[in-house]
Amino acid sequence: MKKSIIAIIVTIVIIAAICFIFFMNQQKTPSPSTIGTKTDTEITLNNISNNQTQNANETKEEKVVPAIKETEIAKFSTEIFIDDENRDTNLELTASKINGTIVKNNETFSFNETVGNPTPERGYEKAGIIVDGKKEKGYGGGNCQVSTTLYDAVLKVEGLEVTERHEHGKNVGYVEKGKDATVVYDELDLKFKNNTGYDIKLVMDVTEEKVTAKIMKLTES
């Protein structure tokens, strides 16, 4: 009797052990239906990541700006023969405001709008000016040499149409008579329209000896 009970217990233990081992193997072995597949969450995350990468690449492509080639098409210089520190200050200040200005095709350039009012608050000094054919002192004296230099450079470019320009009441000395361009803020301006078919860049430079204006043609390289 006792032997039968012991045999039954041993059999139960063996069967339990076999079931336990089989159960553990089932847990470790992936279901055939899931082998090589991804969950919906994994697929969604991958799609988001791929879309972000694609959008980033598209953004980089959109930000690519073609290189611009600058070609000099005109140059004109006038000599500085007046020894006046105030006038030199005005020349440099005004030239710096024009330097680098881009005039797009079909746009009109205005000297007064670009340079602004030559007031002492904006750094301008009193220097020689011509009023009604007479020499006087006024803020921004020397600006007319910058406008004149630019004007004569503009004349060298076909397609730059001068729409406003005024002569001084007397010979200015730094350019031949009839080739000057006087400016007075809110009264007399130098204007030209860009009809060249391309954009241009204005380059102004002032040294101890001269004022130079260059006109650069801008094209995609």
N, C-alpha and C. Protein backbone atom coordinates (compact mmCIF):
# COMPACT_ATOMS: atom_id res chain seq x y z
N MET A 1 0.84 -1.20 0.00
CA MET A 1 0.00 0.00 0.00
C MET A 1 0.87 1.24 0.00
N LYS A 2 1.84 1.23 0.91
CA LYS A 2 2.74 2.38 0.99
C LYS A 2 3.52 2.54 -0.30
N LYS A 3 3.93 1.41 -0.88
CA LYS A 3 4.71 1.49 -2.12
C LYS A 3 3.87 2.08 -3.23
N SER A 4 2.60 1.77 -3.26
CA SER A 4 1.72 2.31 -4.31
C SER A 4 1.58 3.81 -4.18
N ILE A 5 1.45 4.26 -2.95
CA ILE A 5 1.32 5.71 -2.70
C ILE A 5 2.58 6.44 -3.13
N ILE A 6 3.73 5.85 -2.78
CA ILE A 6 5.00 6.47 -3.13
C ILE A 6 5.16 6.52 -4.64
N ALA A 7 4.72 5.45 -5.32
CA ALA A 7 4.84 5.41 -6.78
C ALA A 7 3.98 6.48 -7.42
N ILE A 8 2.79 6.66 -6.84
CA ILE A 8 1.88 7.69 -7.37
C ILE A 8 2.49 9.08 -7.19
N ILE A 9 3.05 9.33 -6.01
CA ILE A 9 3.65 10.65 -5.71
C ILE A 9 4.80 10.93 -6.68
N VAL A 10 5.64 9.90 -6.89
CA VAL A 10 6.80 10.07 -7.79
C VAL A 10 6.33 10.37 -9.19
N THR A 11 5.26 9.67 -9.62
CA THR A 11 4.72 9.89 -10.96
C THR A 11 4.21 11.33 -11.12
N ILE A 12 3.49 11.78 -10.07
CA ILE A 12 2.95 13.16 -10.10
C ILE A 12 4.09 14.19 -10.18
N VAL A 13 5.15 13.95 -9.40
CA VAL A 13 6.30 14.87 -9.39
C VAL A 13 6.95 14.92 -10.76
N ILE A 14 7.10 13.73 -11.39
CA ILE A 14 7.73 13.66 -12.72
C ILE A 14 6.89 14.40 -13.75
N ILE A 15 5.57 14.16 -13.68
CA ILE A 15 4.67 14.84 -14.62
C ILE A 15 4.71 16.35 -14.43
N ALA A 16 4.74 16.77 -13.15
CA ALA A 16 4.80 18.22 -12.85
C ALA A 16 6.10 18.82 -13.38
N ALA A 17 7.19 18.07 -13.22
CA ALA A 17 8.48 18.57 -13.71
C ALA A 17 8.48 18.71 -15.22
N ILE A 18 7.90 17.69 -15.89
CA ILE A 18 7.84 17.75 -17.35
C ILE A 18 6.99 18.93 -17.81
N CYS A 19 5.88 19.17 -17.15
CA CYS A 19 5.01 20.31 -17.50
C CYS A 19 5.72 21.64 -17.29
N PHE A 20 6.45 21.70 -16.17
CA PHE A 20 7.16 22.95 -15.86
C PHE A 20 8.21 23.26 -16.93
N ILE A 21 8.98 22.20 -17.32
CA ILE A 21 10.03 22.38 -18.33
C ILE A 21 9.40 22.78 -19.66
N PHE A 22 8.30 22.13 -20.02
CA PHE A 22 7.62 22.45 -21.29
C PHE A 22 7.11 23.89 -21.28
N PHE A 23 6.57 24.33 -20.15
CA PHE A 23 6.03 25.70 -20.01
C PHE A 23 7.14 26.74 -20.17
N MET A 24 8.30 26.48 -19.54
CA MET A 24 9.42 27.41 -19.62
C MET A 24 9.95 27.50 -21.05
N ASN A 25 9.99 26.38 -21.74
CA ASN A 25 10.45 26.41 -23.13
C ASN A 25 9.51 27.21 -24.02
N GLN A 26 8.24 27.11 -23.75
CA GLN A 26 7.25 27.85 -24.51
C GLN A 26 7.42 29.36 -24.30
N GLN A 27 7.76 29.75 -23.09
CA GLN A 27 7.96 31.17 -22.79
C GLN A 27 9.18 31.73 -23.51
N LYS A 28 10.24 30.91 -23.64
CA LYS A 28 11.47 31.36 -24.27
C LYS A 28 11.36 31.35 -25.78
N THR A 29 10.54 30.51 -26.34
CA THR A 29 10.46 30.36 -27.79
C THR A 29 9.44 31.34 -28.36
N PRO A 30 9.81 32.26 -29.25
CA PRO A 30 8.87 33.22 -29.81
C PRO A 30 7.86 32.54 -30.69
N SER A 31 6.70 33.11 -30.69
CA SER A 31 5.64 32.59 -31.54
C SER A 31 6.00 32.78 -32.99
N PRO A 32 5.72 31.79 -33.83
CA PRO A 32 6.05 31.91 -35.26
C PRO A 32 5.40 33.11 -35.89
N SER A 33 4.26 33.49 -35.37
CA SER A 33 3.55 34.62 -35.97
C SER A 33 4.20 35.95 -35.66
N THR A 34 5.10 35.98 -34.64
CA THR A 34 5.73 37.25 -34.26
C THR A 34 7.17 37.33 -34.73
N ILE A 35 7.72 36.21 -35.22
CA ILE A 35 9.12 36.23 -35.66
C ILE A 35 9.25 37.12 -36.90
N GLY A 36 10.21 38.09 -36.83
CA GLY A 36 10.48 38.96 -37.97
C GLY A 36 9.46 40.07 -38.15
N THR A 37 8.55 40.27 -37.20
CA THR A 37 7.55 41.35 -37.31
C THR A 37 7.80 42.40 -36.26
N LYS A 38 7.22 43.61 -36.47
CA LYS A 38 7.35 44.72 -35.53
C LYS A 38 5.98 45.08 -35.00
N THR A 39 5.97 45.61 -33.80
CA THR A 39 4.71 46.04 -33.22
C THR A 39 4.27 47.33 -33.87
N ASP A 40 2.98 47.67 -33.69
CA ASP A 40 2.45 48.92 -34.25
C ASP A 40 3.21 50.12 -33.71
N THR A 41 3.60 50.06 -32.43
CA THR A 41 4.34 51.18 -31.81
C THR A 41 5.69 51.36 -32.47
N GLU A 42 6.40 50.21 -32.71
CA GLU A 42 7.71 50.28 -33.36
C GLU A 42 7.59 50.85 -34.76
N ILE A 43 6.57 50.43 -35.51
CA ILE A 43 6.37 50.92 -36.87
C ILE A 43 6.09 52.41 -36.88
N THR A 44 5.24 52.86 -35.95
CA THR A 44 4.91 54.29 -35.86
C THR A 44 6.14 55.13 -35.55
N LEU A 45 6.94 54.68 -34.58
CA LEU A 45 8.15 55.41 -34.22
C LEU A 45 9.13 55.49 -35.38
N ASN A 46 9.27 54.37 -36.12
CA ASN A 46 10.16 54.37 -37.28
C ASN A 46 9.68 55.32 -38.36
N ASN A 47 8.36 55.36 -38.58
CA ASN A 47 7.80 56.27 -39.58
C ASN A 47 8.06 57.72 -39.21
N ILE A 48 7.87 58.03 -37.93
CA ILE A 48 8.11 59.41 -37.45
C ILE A 48 9.56 59.78 -37.67
N SER A 49 10.47 58.85 -37.30
CA SER A 49 11.90 59.11 -37.45
C SER A 49 12.27 59.33 -38.91
N ASN A 50 11.72 58.48 -39.81
CA ASN A 50 12.01 58.62 -41.24
C ASN A 50 11.48 59.93 -41.80
N ASN A 51 10.27 60.32 -41.36
CA ASN A 51 9.68 61.58 -41.83
C ASN A 51 10.50 62.77 -41.37
N GLN A 52 10.97 62.72 -40.11
CA GLN A 52 11.79 63.82 -39.59
C GLN A 52 13.09 63.95 -40.37
N THR A 53 13.71 62.78 -40.68
CA THR A 53 14.96 62.80 -41.45
C THR A 53 14.73 63.37 -42.84
N GLN A 54 13.61 62.97 -43.46
CA GLN A 54 13.29 63.45 -44.80
C GLN A 54 13.03 64.95 -44.80
N ASN A 55 12.27 65.42 -43.78
CA ASN A 55 11.99 66.85 -43.69
C ASN A 55 13.26 67.66 -43.45
N ALA A 56 14.16 67.10 -42.64
CA ALA A 56 15.42 67.79 -42.36
C ALA A 56 16.24 67.92 -43.63
N ASN A 57 16.27 66.84 -44.44
CA ASN A 57 17.01 66.88 -45.71
C ASN A 57 16.40 67.89 -46.66
N GLU A 58 15.05 67.93 -46.72
CA GLU A 58 14.37 68.88 -47.60
C GLU A 58 14.66 70.31 -47.16
N THR A 59 14.70 70.55 -45.83
CA THR A 59 14.98 71.90 -45.32
C THR A 59 16.38 72.33 -45.71
N LYS A 60 17.34 71.40 -45.62
CA LYS A 60 18.71 71.72 -46.00
C LYS A 60 18.78 72.10 -47.47
N GLU A 61 18.03 71.38 -48.30
CA GLU A 61 18.05 71.67 -49.72
C GLU A 61 17.43 73.02 -50.01
N GLU A 62 16.37 73.40 -49.26
CA GLU A 62 15.72 74.68 -49.47
C GLU A 62 16.62 75.84 -49.09
N LYS A 63 17.53 75.63 -48.11
CA LYS A 63 18.38 76.72 -47.61
C LYS A 63 19.61 76.93 -48.48
N VAL A 64 19.82 76.09 -49.46
CA VAL A 64 20.99 76.25 -50.33
C VAL A 64 20.81 77.49 -51.19
N VAL A 65 21.70 78.45 -51.02
CA VAL A 65 21.64 79.71 -51.77
C VAL A 65 22.77 79.72 -52.81
N PRO A 66 22.44 79.96 -54.06
CA PRO A 66 23.48 79.97 -55.08
C PRO A 66 24.51 81.07 -54.84
N ALA A 67 25.76 80.78 -55.14
CA ALA A 67 26.82 81.77 -54.97
C ALA A 67 26.64 82.91 -55.97
N ILE A 68 26.94 84.13 -55.51
CA ILE A 68 26.80 85.32 -56.35
C ILE A 68 28.17 85.78 -56.82
N LYS A 69 28.31 85.94 -58.12
CA LYS A 69 29.56 86.42 -58.71
C LYS A 69 29.48 87.93 -58.92
N GLU A 70 30.51 88.64 -58.52
CA GLU A 70 30.58 90.09 -58.67
C GLU A 70 31.60 90.44 -59.75
N THR A 71 31.14 91.19 -60.75
CA THR A 71 32.02 91.60 -61.85
C THR A 71 32.01 93.11 -61.96
N GLU A 72 33.19 93.72 -61.91
CA GLU A 72 33.27 95.19 -62.01
C GLU A 72 32.94 95.63 -63.44
N ILE A 73 31.96 96.53 -63.56
CA ILE A 73 31.56 97.01 -64.90
C ILE A 73 31.79 98.52 -65.05
N ALA A 74 32.10 99.21 -63.96
CA ALA A 74 32.38 100.65 -64.05
C ALA A 74 33.17 101.10 -62.83
N LYS A 75 34.01 102.11 -63.06
CA LYS A 75 34.81 102.67 -61.97
C LYS A 75 35.12 104.13 -62.27
N PHE A 76 35.02 104.98 -61.26
CA PHE A 76 35.35 106.40 -61.44
C PHE A 76 35.90 106.94 -60.13
N SER A 77 36.93 107.79 -60.24
CA SER A 77 37.56 108.39 -59.06
C SER A 77 37.68 109.90 -59.21
N THR A 78 37.59 110.59 -58.09
CA THR A 78 37.84 112.04 -58.06
C THR A 78 38.89 112.33 -56.99
N GLU A 79 39.72 113.30 -57.25
CA GLU A 79 40.82 113.62 -56.34
C GLU A 79 40.35 114.51 -55.19
N ILE A 80 40.86 114.24 -54.00
CA ILE A 80 40.59 115.09 -52.84
C ILE A 80 41.72 116.11 -52.74
N PHE A 81 41.43 117.35 -53.01
CA PHE A 81 42.47 118.38 -52.99
C PHE A 81 42.26 119.40 -51.88
N ILE A 82 41.21 119.23 -51.07
CA ILE A 82 40.93 120.15 -49.96
C ILE A 82 41.38 119.49 -48.67
N ASP A 83 42.27 120.17 -47.93
CA ASP A 83 42.77 119.64 -46.66
C ASP A 83 41.86 120.09 -45.53
N ASP A 84 40.88 119.27 -45.20
CA ASP A 84 39.88 119.62 -44.19
C ASP A 84 39.42 118.34 -43.50
N GLU A 85 39.77 118.19 -42.22
CA GLU A 85 39.42 116.98 -41.49
C GLU A 85 37.91 116.78 -41.40
N ASN A 86 37.16 117.87 -41.20
CA ASN A 86 35.71 117.76 -41.12
C ASN A 86 35.14 117.23 -42.44
N ARG A 87 35.66 117.76 -43.53
CA ARG A 87 35.19 117.31 -44.85
C ARG A 87 35.54 115.85 -45.06
N ASP A 88 36.74 115.44 -44.64
CA ASP A 88 37.15 114.04 -44.78
C ASP A 88 36.22 113.12 -43.98
N THR A 89 35.82 113.57 -42.79
CA THR A 89 34.88 112.80 -41.97
C THR A 89 33.56 112.59 -42.69
N ASN A 90 33.07 113.67 -43.30
CA ASN A 90 31.80 113.58 -44.04
C ASN A 90 31.91 112.64 -45.24
N LEU A 91 33.03 112.74 -45.95
CA LEU A 91 33.24 111.87 -47.11
C LEU A 91 33.19 110.40 -46.71
N GLU A 92 33.93 110.07 -45.66
CA GLU A 92 34.00 108.68 -45.22
C GLU A 92 32.65 108.18 -44.71
N LEU A 93 31.94 109.02 -43.95
CA LEU A 93 30.65 108.61 -43.41
C LEU A 93 29.63 108.37 -44.51
N THR A 94 29.57 109.28 -45.47
CA THR A 94 28.61 109.14 -46.57
C THR A 94 28.95 107.95 -47.46
N ALA A 95 30.23 107.78 -47.76
CA ALA A 95 30.65 106.64 -48.60
C ALA A 95 30.29 105.32 -47.93
N SER A 96 30.44 105.25 -46.60
CA SER A 96 30.14 104.01 -45.89
C SER A 96 28.66 103.66 -45.95
N LYS A 97 27.80 104.67 -46.03
CA LYS A 97 26.36 104.42 -46.10
C LYS A 97 25.93 103.90 -47.47
N ILE A 98 26.70 104.25 -48.49
CA ILE A 98 26.39 103.78 -49.85
C ILE A 98 27.08 102.45 -50.14
N ASN A 99 28.26 102.27 -49.57
CA ASN A 99 29.06 101.08 -49.86
C ASN A 99 28.28 99.80 -49.55
N GLY A 100 28.22 98.90 -50.55
CA GLY A 100 27.54 97.63 -50.37
C GLY A 100 26.07 97.65 -50.74
N THR A 101 25.55 98.82 -51.12
CA THR A 101 24.15 98.92 -51.49
C THR A 101 23.87 98.12 -52.77
N ILE A 102 22.83 97.31 -52.73
CA ILE A 102 22.43 96.53 -53.91
C ILE A 102 21.19 97.17 -54.53
N VAL A 103 21.27 97.47 -55.79
CA VAL A 103 20.13 98.03 -56.54
C VAL A 103 19.64 96.95 -57.48
N LYS A 104 18.50 96.39 -57.18
CA LYS A 104 17.96 95.30 -57.99
C LYS A 104 17.47 95.81 -59.34
N ASN A 105 17.36 94.90 -60.27
CA ASN A 105 16.85 95.26 -61.59
C ASN A 105 15.46 95.89 -61.47
N ASN A 106 15.27 97.00 -62.17
CA ASN A 106 14.02 97.78 -62.19
C ASN A 106 13.81 98.63 -60.94
N GLU A 107 14.75 98.61 -59.99
CA GLU A 107 14.66 99.47 -58.82
C GLU A 107 15.34 100.81 -59.09
N THR A 108 14.95 101.84 -58.30
CA THR A 108 15.54 103.17 -58.43
C THR A 108 16.37 103.48 -57.18
N PHE A 109 17.58 103.96 -57.39
CA PHE A 109 18.46 104.36 -56.30
C PHE A 109 18.29 105.84 -56.03
N SER A 110 18.19 106.21 -54.75
CA SER A 110 18.12 107.61 -54.34
C SER A 110 19.27 107.87 -53.38
N PHE A 111 20.09 108.87 -53.70
CA PHE A 111 21.21 109.23 -52.84
C PHE A 111 20.71 109.69 -51.48
N ASN A 112 19.72 110.59 -51.46
CA ASN A 112 19.23 111.13 -50.20
C ASN A 112 18.57 110.08 -49.32
N GLU A 113 17.84 109.16 -49.93
CA GLU A 113 17.19 108.11 -49.15
C GLU A 113 18.22 107.14 -48.57
N THR A 114 19.27 106.89 -49.30
CA THR A 114 20.30 105.95 -48.86
C THR A 114 21.19 106.57 -47.78
N VAL A 115 21.60 107.81 -47.99
CA VAL A 115 22.52 108.47 -47.07
C VAL A 115 21.79 109.07 -45.86
N GLY A 116 20.64 109.67 -46.11
CA GLY A 116 19.90 110.31 -45.03
C GLY A 116 20.33 111.75 -44.81
N ASN A 117 19.74 112.36 -43.80
CA ASN A 117 19.99 113.77 -43.49
C ASN A 117 21.36 113.95 -42.81
N PRO A 118 22.24 114.78 -43.36
CA PRO A 118 23.58 114.95 -42.78
C PRO A 118 23.56 115.90 -41.57
N THR A 119 23.09 115.41 -40.46
CA THR A 119 22.99 116.23 -39.24
C THR A 119 24.13 115.92 -38.29
N PRO A 120 24.41 116.83 -37.36
CA PRO A 120 25.48 116.56 -36.39
C PRO A 120 25.17 115.37 -35.51
N GLU A 121 23.87 115.10 -35.26
CA GLU A 121 23.49 113.95 -34.45
C GLU A 121 23.89 112.63 -35.12
N ARG A 122 24.04 112.67 -36.44
CA ARG A 122 24.40 111.46 -37.18
C ARG A 122 25.89 111.43 -37.53
N GLY A 123 26.65 112.34 -36.87
CA GLY A 123 28.10 112.31 -37.00
C GLY A 123 28.69 113.25 -38.02
N TYR A 124 27.87 114.07 -38.68
CA TYR A 124 28.38 114.96 -39.72
C TYR A 124 28.95 116.25 -39.12
N GLU A 125 29.97 116.79 -39.83
CA GLU A 125 30.65 118.02 -39.41
C GLU A 125 30.39 119.13 -40.42
N LYS A 126 30.69 120.37 -40.00
CA LYS A 126 30.55 121.50 -40.92
C LYS A 126 31.79 121.59 -41.81
N ALA A 127 31.55 121.74 -43.10
CA ALA A 127 32.63 121.88 -44.08
C ALA A 127 32.11 122.70 -45.25
N GLY A 128 32.97 122.95 -46.23
CA GLY A 128 32.60 123.82 -47.34
C GLY A 128 31.48 123.28 -48.21
N ILE A 129 30.49 124.13 -48.49
CA ILE A 129 29.40 123.82 -49.41
C ILE A 129 29.22 125.01 -50.35
N ILE A 130 28.50 124.80 -51.43
CA ILE A 130 28.23 125.89 -52.38
C ILE A 130 26.74 126.19 -52.37
N VAL A 131 26.41 127.42 -52.05
CA VAL A 131 25.00 127.87 -52.02
C VAL A 131 24.86 129.09 -52.92
N ASP A 132 24.04 128.94 -53.97
CA ASP A 132 23.83 130.03 -54.92
C ASP A 132 25.14 130.54 -55.50
N GLY A 133 26.04 129.63 -55.79
CA GLY A 133 27.30 129.99 -56.41
C GLY A 133 28.35 130.51 -55.45
N LYS A 134 28.04 130.53 -54.15
CA LYS A 134 28.98 131.04 -53.16
C LYS A 134 29.36 129.94 -52.16
N LYS A 135 30.60 129.99 -51.70
CA LYS A 135 31.07 129.00 -50.74
C LYS A 135 30.64 129.38 -49.32
N GLU A 136 30.11 128.39 -48.61
CA GLU A 136 29.70 128.56 -47.22
C GLU A 136 30.12 127.32 -46.44
N LYS A 137 29.80 127.33 -45.13
CA LYS A 137 30.03 126.16 -44.30
C LYS A 137 28.68 125.54 -43.95
N GLY A 138 28.61 124.24 -44.04
CA GLY A 138 27.36 123.56 -43.70
C GLY A 138 27.61 122.11 -43.36
N TYR A 139 26.69 121.52 -42.59
CA TYR A 139 26.83 120.11 -42.23
C TYR A 139 26.71 119.23 -43.48
N GLY A 140 27.64 118.31 -43.58
CA GLY A 140 27.64 117.41 -44.75
C GLY A 140 28.45 117.93 -45.90
N GLY A 141 29.21 119.01 -45.69
CA GLY A 141 30.06 119.53 -46.75
C GLY A 141 31.00 118.44 -47.24
N GLY A 142 31.04 118.21 -48.54
CA GLY A 142 31.84 117.14 -49.12
C GLY A 142 30.98 116.04 -49.70
N ASN A 143 29.71 115.99 -49.27
CA ASN A 143 28.81 114.95 -49.79
C ASN A 143 28.67 115.00 -51.30
N CYS A 144 28.77 116.21 -51.85
CA CYS A 144 28.59 116.36 -53.30
C CYS A 144 29.73 115.71 -54.08
N GLN A 145 30.89 115.58 -53.46
CA GLN A 145 31.98 114.88 -54.16
C GLN A 145 31.66 113.38 -54.24
N VAL A 146 31.03 112.86 -53.21
CA VAL A 146 30.63 111.44 -53.23
C VAL A 146 29.55 111.22 -54.29
N SER A 147 28.53 112.09 -54.30
CA SER A 147 27.45 111.95 -55.28
C SER A 147 27.95 112.14 -56.71
N THR A 148 28.88 113.08 -56.89
CA THR A 148 29.45 113.32 -58.21
C THR A 148 30.26 112.12 -58.70
N THR A 149 31.07 111.56 -57.81
CA THR A 149 31.87 110.39 -58.17
C THR A 149 30.98 109.22 -58.58
N LEU A 150 29.92 109.01 -57.81
CA LEU A 150 28.98 107.93 -58.13
C LEU A 150 28.27 108.20 -59.45
N TYR A 151 27.87 109.45 -59.66
CA TYR A 151 27.16 109.83 -60.89
C TYR A 151 27.99 109.51 -62.14
N ASP A 152 29.28 109.85 -62.11
CA ASP A 152 30.12 109.61 -63.28
C ASP A 152 30.39 108.13 -63.51
N ALA A 153 30.35 107.33 -62.43
CA ALA A 153 30.47 105.88 -62.61
C ALA A 153 29.19 105.33 -63.25
N VAL A 154 28.05 105.85 -62.83
CA VAL A 154 26.76 105.42 -63.38
C VAL A 154 26.68 105.68 -64.89
N LEU A 155 27.24 106.83 -65.31
CA LEU A 155 27.20 107.19 -66.73
C LEU A 155 27.91 106.18 -67.61
N LYS A 156 28.79 105.38 -67.03
CA LYS A 156 29.55 104.42 -67.81
C LYS A 156 28.80 103.11 -68.07
N VAL A 157 27.65 102.93 -67.43
CA VAL A 157 26.94 101.66 -67.54
C VAL A 157 25.67 101.83 -68.37
N GLU A 158 25.61 101.12 -69.47
CA GLU A 158 24.42 101.14 -70.29
C GLU A 158 23.27 100.47 -69.55
N GLY A 159 22.14 101.14 -69.49
CA GLY A 159 20.99 100.57 -68.79
C GLY A 159 20.74 101.20 -67.44
N LEU A 160 21.68 102.05 -66.96
CA LEU A 160 21.44 102.81 -65.74
C LEU A 160 20.94 104.19 -66.16
N GLU A 161 19.67 104.43 -65.92
CA GLU A 161 19.01 105.66 -66.38
C GLU A 161 18.96 106.70 -65.26
N VAL A 162 19.69 107.80 -65.44
CA VAL A 162 19.68 108.88 -64.45
C VAL A 162 18.34 109.62 -64.55
N THR A 163 17.58 109.61 -63.47
CA THR A 163 16.25 110.23 -63.46
C THR A 163 16.22 111.57 -62.73
N GLU A 164 17.26 111.85 -61.94
CA GLU A 164 17.37 113.17 -61.29
C GLU A 164 18.84 113.48 -61.03
N ARG A 165 19.21 114.70 -61.41
CA ARG A 165 20.59 115.14 -61.20
C ARG A 165 20.66 116.65 -61.36
N HIS A 166 21.48 117.32 -60.53
CA HIS A 166 21.57 118.79 -60.54
C HIS A 166 23.04 119.20 -60.52
N GLU A 167 23.33 120.31 -61.20
CA GLU A 167 24.70 120.84 -61.22
C GLU A 167 24.87 121.90 -60.13
N HIS A 168 26.12 122.10 -59.73
CA HIS A 168 26.45 123.17 -58.80
C HIS A 168 26.34 124.52 -59.51
N GLY A 169 26.34 125.57 -58.72
CA GLY A 169 26.28 126.91 -59.30
C GLY A 169 27.62 127.39 -59.83
N LYS A 170 28.68 126.61 -59.55
CA LYS A 170 30.01 126.98 -60.04
C LYS A 170 30.86 125.72 -60.17
N ASN A 171 32.03 125.88 -60.79
CA ASN A 171 32.91 124.74 -60.98
C ASN A 171 33.42 124.22 -59.64
N VAL A 172 33.37 122.91 -59.45
CA VAL A 172 33.76 122.33 -58.16
C VAL A 172 35.23 121.95 -58.10
N GLY A 173 35.88 121.79 -59.23
CA GLY A 173 37.31 121.54 -59.24
C GLY A 173 37.70 120.07 -59.30
N TYR A 174 36.95 119.17 -58.65
CA TYR A 174 37.36 117.76 -58.62
C TYR A 174 36.80 116.97 -59.80
N VAL A 175 36.01 117.63 -60.67
CA VAL A 175 35.53 116.99 -61.88
C VAL A 175 35.30 118.09 -62.91
N GLU A 176 35.36 117.74 -64.18
CA GLU A 176 35.18 118.76 -65.20
C GLU A 176 33.77 119.33 -65.17
N LYS A 177 33.65 120.57 -65.59
CA LYS A 177 32.38 121.28 -65.55
C LYS A 177 31.30 120.51 -66.34
N GLY A 178 30.12 120.44 -65.75
CA GLY A 178 29.00 119.75 -66.38
C GLY A 178 28.91 118.27 -66.04
N LYS A 179 29.90 117.76 -65.26
CA LYS A 179 29.88 116.35 -64.88
C LYS A 179 29.66 116.16 -63.38
N ASP A 180 29.24 117.22 -62.69
CA ASP A 180 29.03 117.14 -61.26
C ASP A 180 27.57 116.82 -60.93
N ALA A 181 27.32 116.46 -59.67
CA ALA A 181 25.96 116.14 -59.22
C ALA A 181 25.82 116.61 -57.78
N THR A 182 25.21 117.78 -57.60
CA THR A 182 25.04 118.32 -56.26
C THR A 182 23.82 117.69 -55.58
N VAL A 183 23.88 117.58 -54.26
CA VAL A 183 22.77 117.03 -53.48
C VAL A 183 22.50 117.92 -52.27
N VAL A 184 21.23 118.10 -51.96
CA VAL A 184 20.79 118.81 -50.76
C VAL A 184 19.61 118.01 -50.22
N TYR A 185 19.72 117.56 -48.99
CA TYR A 185 18.69 116.68 -48.44
C TYR A 185 17.31 117.31 -48.51
N ASP A 186 16.35 116.54 -49.03
CA ASP A 186 14.95 116.95 -49.19
C ASP A 186 14.74 118.02 -50.26
N GLU A 187 15.81 118.37 -51.00
CA GLU A 187 15.66 119.38 -52.07
C GLU A 187 16.22 118.88 -53.40
N LEU A 188 17.50 118.56 -53.40
CA LEU A 188 18.18 118.12 -54.63
C LEU A 188 18.72 116.71 -54.41
N ASP A 189 18.39 115.83 -55.33
CA ASP A 189 18.77 114.43 -55.16
C ASP A 189 19.49 113.91 -56.41
N LEU A 190 20.19 112.81 -56.25
CA LEU A 190 20.75 112.06 -57.37
C LEU A 190 20.01 110.73 -57.41
N LYS A 191 19.33 110.46 -58.51
CA LYS A 191 18.56 109.23 -58.65
C LYS A 191 18.88 108.56 -59.99
N PHE A 192 18.88 107.26 -59.97
CA PHE A 192 18.99 106.53 -61.24
C PHE A 192 18.22 105.22 -61.12
N LYS A 193 17.69 104.75 -62.26
CA LYS A 193 16.93 103.50 -62.30
C LYS A 193 17.76 102.41 -62.96
N ASN A 194 17.71 101.23 -62.38
CA ASN A 194 18.46 100.10 -62.92
C ASN A 194 17.63 99.38 -63.99
N ASN A 195 17.95 99.66 -65.24
CA ASN A 195 17.28 99.00 -66.36
C ASN A 195 18.21 98.03 -67.09
N THR A 196 19.22 97.53 -66.38
CA THR A 196 20.24 96.71 -67.03
C THR A 196 19.78 95.28 -67.29
N GLY A 197 18.79 94.82 -66.53
CA GLY A 197 18.37 93.43 -66.64
C GLY A 197 19.03 92.53 -65.60
N TYR A 198 19.87 93.13 -64.75
CA TYR A 198 20.51 92.37 -63.67
C TYR A 198 20.69 93.28 -62.45
N ASP A 199 20.95 92.67 -61.30
CA ASP A 199 21.18 93.45 -60.08
C ASP A 199 22.60 94.00 -60.09
N ILE A 200 22.78 95.13 -59.40
CA ILE A 200 24.11 95.72 -59.28
C ILE A 200 24.42 96.02 -57.81
N LYS A 201 25.70 96.14 -57.52
CA LYS A 201 26.16 96.48 -56.19
C LYS A 201 27.05 97.73 -56.27
N LEU A 202 26.82 98.67 -55.38
CA LEU A 202 27.62 99.90 -55.36
C LEU A 202 28.73 99.77 -54.33
N VAL A 203 29.93 100.10 -54.75
CA VAL A 203 31.10 100.04 -53.86
C VAL A 203 31.73 101.41 -53.81
N MET A 204 31.81 101.99 -52.61
CA MET A 204 32.41 103.32 -52.42
C MET A 204 33.62 103.21 -51.50
N ASP A 205 34.68 103.92 -51.87
CA ASP A 205 35.90 103.88 -51.06
C ASP A 205 36.51 105.28 -50.99
N VAL A 206 36.99 105.64 -49.80
CA VAL A 206 37.63 106.94 -49.60
C VAL A 206 39.02 106.73 -49.00
N THR A 207 40.03 107.31 -49.66
CA THR A 207 41.39 107.29 -49.13
C THR A 207 41.81 108.73 -48.87
N GLU A 208 43.07 108.93 -48.51
CA GLU A 208 43.55 110.29 -48.28
C GLU A 208 43.62 111.09 -49.57
N GLU A 209 43.75 110.41 -50.69
CA GLU A 209 43.94 111.09 -51.97
C GLU A 209 42.69 111.19 -52.83
N LYS A 210 41.76 110.21 -52.72
CA LYS A 210 40.65 110.22 -53.67
C LYS A 210 39.41 109.49 -53.16
N VAL A 211 38.32 109.76 -53.88
CA VAL A 211 37.05 109.06 -53.67
C VAL A 211 36.82 108.19 -54.90
N THR A 212 36.46 106.93 -54.68
CA THR A 212 36.27 106.00 -55.79
C THR A 212 34.91 105.32 -55.69
N ALA A 213 34.24 105.25 -56.84
CA ALA A 213 32.97 104.53 -56.94
C ALA A 213 33.13 103.39 -57.94
N LYS A 214 32.68 102.21 -57.55
CA LYS A 214 32.68 101.06 -58.44
C LYS A 214 31.25 100.52 -58.55
N ILE A 215 30.92 100.01 -59.71
CA ILE A 215 29.63 99.37 -59.91
C ILE A 215 29.89 97.93 -60.32
N MET A 216 29.31 97.01 -59.54
CA MET A 216 29.52 95.59 -59.76
C MET A 216 28.26 94.92 -60.29
N LYS A 217 28.42 94.10 -61.31
CA LYS A 217 27.33 93.31 -61.85
C LYS A 217 27.21 92.03 -61.02
N LEU A 218 26.00 91.70 -60.58
CA LEU A 218 25.78 90.52 -59.77
C LEU A 218 25.10 89.43 -60.58
N THR A 219 25.72 88.26 -60.64
CA THR A 219 25.16 87.12 -61.35
C THR A 219 25.39 85.86 -60.54
N GLU A 220 24.55 84.85 -60.76
CA GLU A 220 24.74 83.57 -60.09
C GLU A 220 25.89 82.82 -60.76
N SER A 221 26.81 82.35 -59.94
CA SER A 221 27.98 81.65 -60.48
C SER A 221 27.72 80.15 -60.58
